[in-house]
Amino acid sequence: MTRSLRAAACEALVREWVVARRFGHAVRLLRVQRGWSQEGLAARAELNRSYMGEIERADVMPSLATADKLARAFGLTLADLIAQAEPRPEPSMDG
């Protein structure tokens, strides 16, 4: 593999990890805002509790079907849950 192909592969892995981190953080934030434990969310979403921890720590990237289960557990659409994971623009220091 050439250096540029290795660099591109590494960049792709980093981007995937960043997306997983943002998604996991959004799931954790929504769960904590509702006062739910990982176990409670897992039960509502019909998922394994240990898998919830893996999602929140960005150890795994859930499938769309799993993300939809999480969204429904939160009373959100899949689009709304994904939007929660989108990066927020930095506030402007201009006036």
C-alpha atoms as a PDB file:
ATOM      1  CA  MET A   1       0.000   0.000   0.000  1.00  0.00           C
ATOM      2  CA  THR A   2       1.406   3.381  -0.911  1.00  0.00           C
ATOM      3  CA  ARG A   3       1.891   6.091   1.634  1.00  0.00           C
ATOM      4  CA  SER A   4      -1.044   8.128   0.279  1.00  0.00           C
ATOM      5  CA  LEU A   5      -3.368   5.107   0.424  1.00  0.00           C
ATOM      6  CA  ARG A   6      -2.319   4.398   4.007  1.00  0.00           C
ATOM      7  CA  ALA A   7      -2.880   8.037   4.913  1.00  0.00           C
ATOM      8  CA  ALA A   8      -6.346   7.978   3.332  1.00  0.00           C
ATOM      9  CA  ALA A   9      -7.214   4.770   5.179  1.00  0.00           C
ATOM     10  CA  CYS A  10      -6.073   6.292   8.471  1.00  0.00           C
ATOM     11  CA  GLU A  11      -8.098   9.456   7.820  1.00  0.00           C
ATOM     12  CA  ALA A  12     -11.191   7.362   7.111  1.00  0.00           C
ATOM     13  CA  LEU A  13     -10.739   5.458  10.385  1.00  0.00           C
ATOM     14  CA  VAL A  14     -10.344   8.705  12.300  1.00  0.00           C
ATOM     15  CA  ARG A  15     -13.499  10.163  10.709  1.00  0.00           C
ATOM     16  CA  GLU A  16     -15.442   6.994  11.596  1.00  0.00           C
ATOM     17  CA  TRP A  17     -14.192   7.162  15.189  1.00  0.00           C
ATOM     18  CA  VAL A  18     -15.163  10.846  15.447  1.00  0.00           C
ATOM     19  CA  VAL A  19     -18.691  10.050  14.232  1.00  0.00           C
ATOM     20  CA  ALA A  20     -18.946   7.182  16.733  1.00  0.00           C
ATOM     21  CA  ARG A  21     -17.758   9.496  19.533  1.00  0.00           C
ATOM     22  CA  ARG A  22     -20.308  12.176  18.658  1.00  0.00           C
ATOM     23  CA  PHE A  23     -23.110   9.603  18.437  1.00  0.00           C
ATOM     24  CA  GLY A  24     -22.121   7.950  21.716  1.00  0.00           C
ATOM     25  CA  HIS A  25     -21.899  11.321  23.442  1.00  0.00           C
ATOM     26  CA  ALA A  26     -25.361  12.287  22.146  1.00  0.00           C
ATOM     27  CA  VAL A  27     -26.843   9.010  23.410  1.00  0.00           C
ATOM     28  CA  ARG A  28     -25.212   9.460  26.826  1.00  0.00           C
ATOM     29  CA  LEU A  29     -26.349  13.083  27.090  1.00  0.00           C
ATOM     30  CA  LEU A  30     -29.960  12.223  26.210  1.00  0.00           C
ATOM     31  CA  ARG A  31     -29.925   9.291  28.645  1.00  0.00           C
ATOM     32  CA  VAL A  32     -28.516  11.373  31.514  1.00  0.00           C
ATOM     33  CA  GLN A  33     -30.952  14.242  30.800  1.00  0.00           C
ATOM     34  CA  ARG A  34     -33.791  11.768  31.294  1.00  0.00           C
ATOM     35  CA  GLY A  35     -32.268  10.366  34.465  1.00  0.00           C
ATOM     36  CA  TRP A  36     -31.989   6.880  32.981  1.00  0.00           C
ATOM     37  CA  SER A  37     -29.326   4.298  33.683  1.00  0.00           C
ATOM     38  CA  GLN A  38     -27.678   2.430  30.834  1.00  0.00           C
ATOM     39  CA  GLU A  39     -29.712  -0.563  31.919  1.00  0.00           C
ATOM     40  CA  GLY A  40     -32.932   1.453  31.753  1.00  0.00           C
ATOM     41  CA  LEU A  41     -32.183   2.728  28.263  1.00  0.00           C
ATOM     42  CA  ALA A  42     -31.148  -0.741  27.140  1.00  0.00           C
ATOM     43  CA  ALA A  43     -34.464  -2.156  28.354  1.00  0.00           C
ATOM     44  CA  ARG A  44     -36.459   0.576  26.601  1.00  0.00           C
ATOM     45  CA  ALA A  45     -34.522   0.034  23.367  1.00  0.00           C
ATOM     46  CA  GLU A  46     -34.511  -3.775  23.722  1.00  0.00           C
ATOM     47  CA  LEU A  47     -30.706  -3.865  23.669  1.00  0.00           C
ATOM     48  CA  ASN A  48     -28.066  -5.404  25.899  1.00  0.00           C
ATOM     49  CA  ARG A  49     -26.801  -3.111  28.684  1.00  0.00           C
ATOM     50  CA  SER A  50     -23.170  -3.841  27.928  1.00  0.00           C
ATOM     51  CA  TYR A  51     -23.798  -2.901  24.290  1.00  0.00           C
ATOM     52  CA  MET A  52     -25.142   0.463  25.498  1.00  0.00           C
ATOM     53  CA  GLY A  53     -21.823   1.106  27.220  1.00  0.00           C
ATOM     54  CA  GLU A  54     -19.953   0.189  24.045  1.00  0.00           C
ATOM     55  CA  ILE A  55     -22.062   2.664  22.045  1.00  0.00           C
ATOM     56  CA  GLU A  56     -21.537   5.451  24.573  1.00  0.00           C
ATOM     57  CA  ARG A  57     -17.764   4.818  24.661  1.00  0.00           C
ATOM     58  CA  ALA A  58     -17.611   4.688  20.832  1.00  0.00           C
ATOM     59  CA  ASP A  59     -16.275   1.153  20.971  1.00  0.00           C
ATOM     60  CA  VAL A  60     -18.867   0.213  18.340  1.00  0.00           C
ATOM     61  CA  MET A  61     -20.837   1.975  15.618  1.00  0.00           C
ATOM     62  CA  PRO A  62     -24.462   0.837  15.857  1.00  0.00           C
ATOM     63  CA  SER A  63     -26.432  -0.145  12.771  1.00  0.00           C
ATOM     64  CA  LEU A  64     -29.247   2.076  11.563  1.00  0.00           C
ATOM     65  CA  ALA A  65     -31.727  -0.428  12.991  1.00  0.00           C
ATOM     66  CA  THR A  66     -30.111  -0.117  16.425  1.00  0.00           C
ATOM     67  CA  ALA A  67     -29.953   3.676  16.148  1.00  0.00           C
ATOM     68  CA  ASP A  68     -33.669   3.634  15.315  1.00  0.00           C
ATOM     69  CA  LYS A  69     -34.385   1.533  18.438  1.00  0.00           C
ATOM     70  CA  LEU A  70     -32.483   4.105  20.494  1.00  0.00           C
ATOM     71  CA  ALA A  71     -34.326   6.995  18.873  1.00  0.00           C
ATOM     72  CA  ARG A  72     -37.699   5.390  19.606  1.00  0.00           C
ATOM     73  CA  ALA A  73     -36.662   4.759  23.211  1.00  0.00           C
ATOM     74  CA  PHE A  74     -35.976   8.499  23.531  1.00  0.00           C
ATOM     75  CA  GLY A  75     -39.243   9.388  21.782  1.00  0.00           C
ATOM     76  CA  LEU A  76     -37.328  10.814  18.827  1.00  0.00           C
ATOM     77  CA  THR A  77     -37.173  10.091  15.146  1.00  0.00           C
ATOM     78  CA  LEU A  78     -33.987   8.566  13.807  1.00  0.00           C
ATOM     79  CA  ALA A  79     -33.274  11.868  12.037  1.00  0.00           C
ATOM     80  CA  ASP A  80     -33.649  13.783  15.321  1.00  0.00           C
ATOM     81  CA  LEU A  81     -31.275  11.436  17.133  1.00  0.00           C
ATOM     82  CA  ILE A  82     -28.686  11.723  14.386  1.00  0.00           C
ATOM     83  CA  ALA A  83     -29.090  15.506  14.434  1.00  0.00           C
ATOM     84  CA  GLN A  84     -28.176  15.426  18.137  1.00  0.00           C
ATOM     85  CA  ALA A  85     -24.822  13.946  17.118  1.00  0.00           C
ATOM     86  CA  GLU A  86     -24.070  16.637  14.534  1.00  0.00           C
ATOM     87  CA  PRO A  87     -21.295  19.041  15.483  1.00  0.00           C
ATOM     88  CA  ARG A  88     -22.553  22.381  16.707  1.00  0.00           C
ATOM     89  CA  PRO A  89     -21.113  25.558  15.203  1.00  0.00           C
ATOM     90  CA  GLU A  90     -18.891  27.471  17.572  1.00  0.00           C
ATOM     91  CA  PRO A  91     -20.537  30.640  18.901  1.00  0.00           C
ATOM     92  CA  SER A  92     -19.284  33.776  17.207  1.00  0.00           C
ATOM     93  CA  MET A  93     -17.269  36.220  19.286  1.00  0.00           C
ATOM     94  CA  ASP A  94     -18.459  39.037  17.008  1.00  0.00           C
ATOM     95  CA  GLY A  95     -20.823  41.270  18.605  1.00  0.00           C
END
